[in-house]
Amino acid sequence: MKENLKQSVSTVLQSMEQLNHVFEVELFRLEQEGADAQDLRRLEQGVLAMKDAGRLYLTWADHFIERMGDAEVYEEELE
């Protein structure tokens, strides 16, 4: 079961990396087209916030999966 969870987290990570790449390409395109600098800064901040949030969720998921090996700790988390 633990391996299935790790594989799922890995799949999410790959998807997030792909999404972040698409956002970065889009930001570059908008910059090349001369989009407003203030709008670009806001979009860039949003992309960075999404990256940070994604890292936070994935870090917590990985931590939780590691703790699942200890059934006693796992049961305490669910209470």
Protein backbone atom coordinates (compact mmCIF):
# COMPACT_ATOMS: atom_id res chain seq x y z
CA MET A 1 0.00 0.00 0.00
CA LYS A 2 2.80 2.41 0.90
CA GLU A 3 4.38 1.94 -2.53
CA ASN A 4 1.06 2.82 -4.22
CA LEU A 5 0.91 6.02 -2.20
CA LYS A 6 4.47 6.96 -3.13
CA GLN A 7 3.71 6.29 -6.79
CA SER A 8 0.63 8.51 -6.57
CA VAL A 9 2.68 11.32 -5.04
CA SER A 10 5.26 10.89 -7.79
CA THR A 11 2.52 11.16 -10.43
CA VAL A 12 1.21 14.35 -8.82
CA LEU A 13 4.72 15.78 -8.72
CA GLN A 14 5.23 15.10 -12.43
CA SER A 15 1.89 16.70 -13.25
CA MET A 16 2.71 19.76 -11.16
CA GLU A 17 6.08 20.13 -12.86
CA GLN A 18 4.35 19.98 -16.24
CA LEU A 19 1.78 22.57 -15.15
CA ASN A 20 4.49 24.87 -13.80
CA HIS A 21 6.38 24.58 -17.08
CA VAL A 22 3.26 25.54 -19.04
CA PHE A 23 2.76 28.57 -16.77
CA GLU A 24 6.37 29.64 -17.26
CA VAL A 25 6.10 29.31 -21.04
CA GLU A 26 2.89 31.36 -20.99
CA LEU A 27 4.52 34.06 -18.85
CA PHE A 28 7.44 34.22 -21.29
CA ARG A 29 5.02 34.49 -24.22
CA LEU A 30 3.11 37.33 -22.56
CA GLU A 31 6.37 39.11 -21.81
CA GLN A 32 7.49 38.76 -25.43
CA GLU A 33 4.14 40.17 -26.58
CA GLY A 34 4.69 43.24 -24.41
CA ALA A 35 2.13 42.58 -21.71
CA ASP A 36 1.91 45.10 -18.90
CA ALA A 37 4.87 44.69 -16.52
CA GLN A 38 2.68 45.03 -13.42
CA ASP A 39 0.31 42.33 -14.68
CA LEU A 40 3.26 40.08 -15.44
CA ARG A 41 4.64 40.55 -11.92
CA ARG A 42 1.28 39.58 -10.42
CA LEU A 43 1.03 36.52 -12.65
CA GLU A 44 4.59 35.54 -11.81
CA GLN A 45 3.86 35.89 -8.10
CA GLY A 46 0.81 33.65 -8.56
CA VAL A 47 2.87 31.01 -10.34
CA LEU A 48 5.50 31.11 -7.59
CA ALA A 49 2.79 30.81 -4.93
CA MET A 50 1.37 27.76 -6.70
CA LYS A 51 4.83 26.17 -6.85
CA ASP A 52 5.36 26.81 -3.14
CA ALA A 53 1.93 25.47 -2.21
CA GLY A 54 2.50 22.38 -4.33
CA ARG A 55 5.83 21.72 -2.63
CA LEU A 56 4.20 22.13 0.76
CA TYR A 57 1.41 19.66 0.00
CA LEU A 58 3.78 17.11 -1.52
CA THR A 59 6.19 17.41 1.40
CA TRP A 60 3.34 16.81 3.83
CA ALA A 61 2.07 13.86 1.78
CA ASP A 62 5.52 12.29 1.75
CA HIS A 63 5.90 12.87 5.50
CA PHE A 64 2.49 11.35 6.20
CA ILE A 65 3.26 8.31 4.04
CA GLU A 66 6.50 7.73 5.95
CA ARG A 67 4.64 7.93 9.26
CA MET A 68 2.06 5.40 8.08
CA GLY A 69 4.67 2.70 8.63
CA ASP A 70 4.19 3.20 12.35
CA ALA A 71 0.62 2.01 12.96
CA GLU A 72 0.48 3.59 16.43
CA VAL A 73 1.38 7.04 15.11
CA TYR A 74 -1.02 6.61 12.20
CA GLU A 75 -3.92 5.81 14.52
CA GLU A 76 -3.15 8.91 16.60
CA GLU A 77 -3.26 11.09 13.46
CA LEU A 78 -6.74 9.80 12.61
CA GLU A 79 -8.20 10.50 16.04
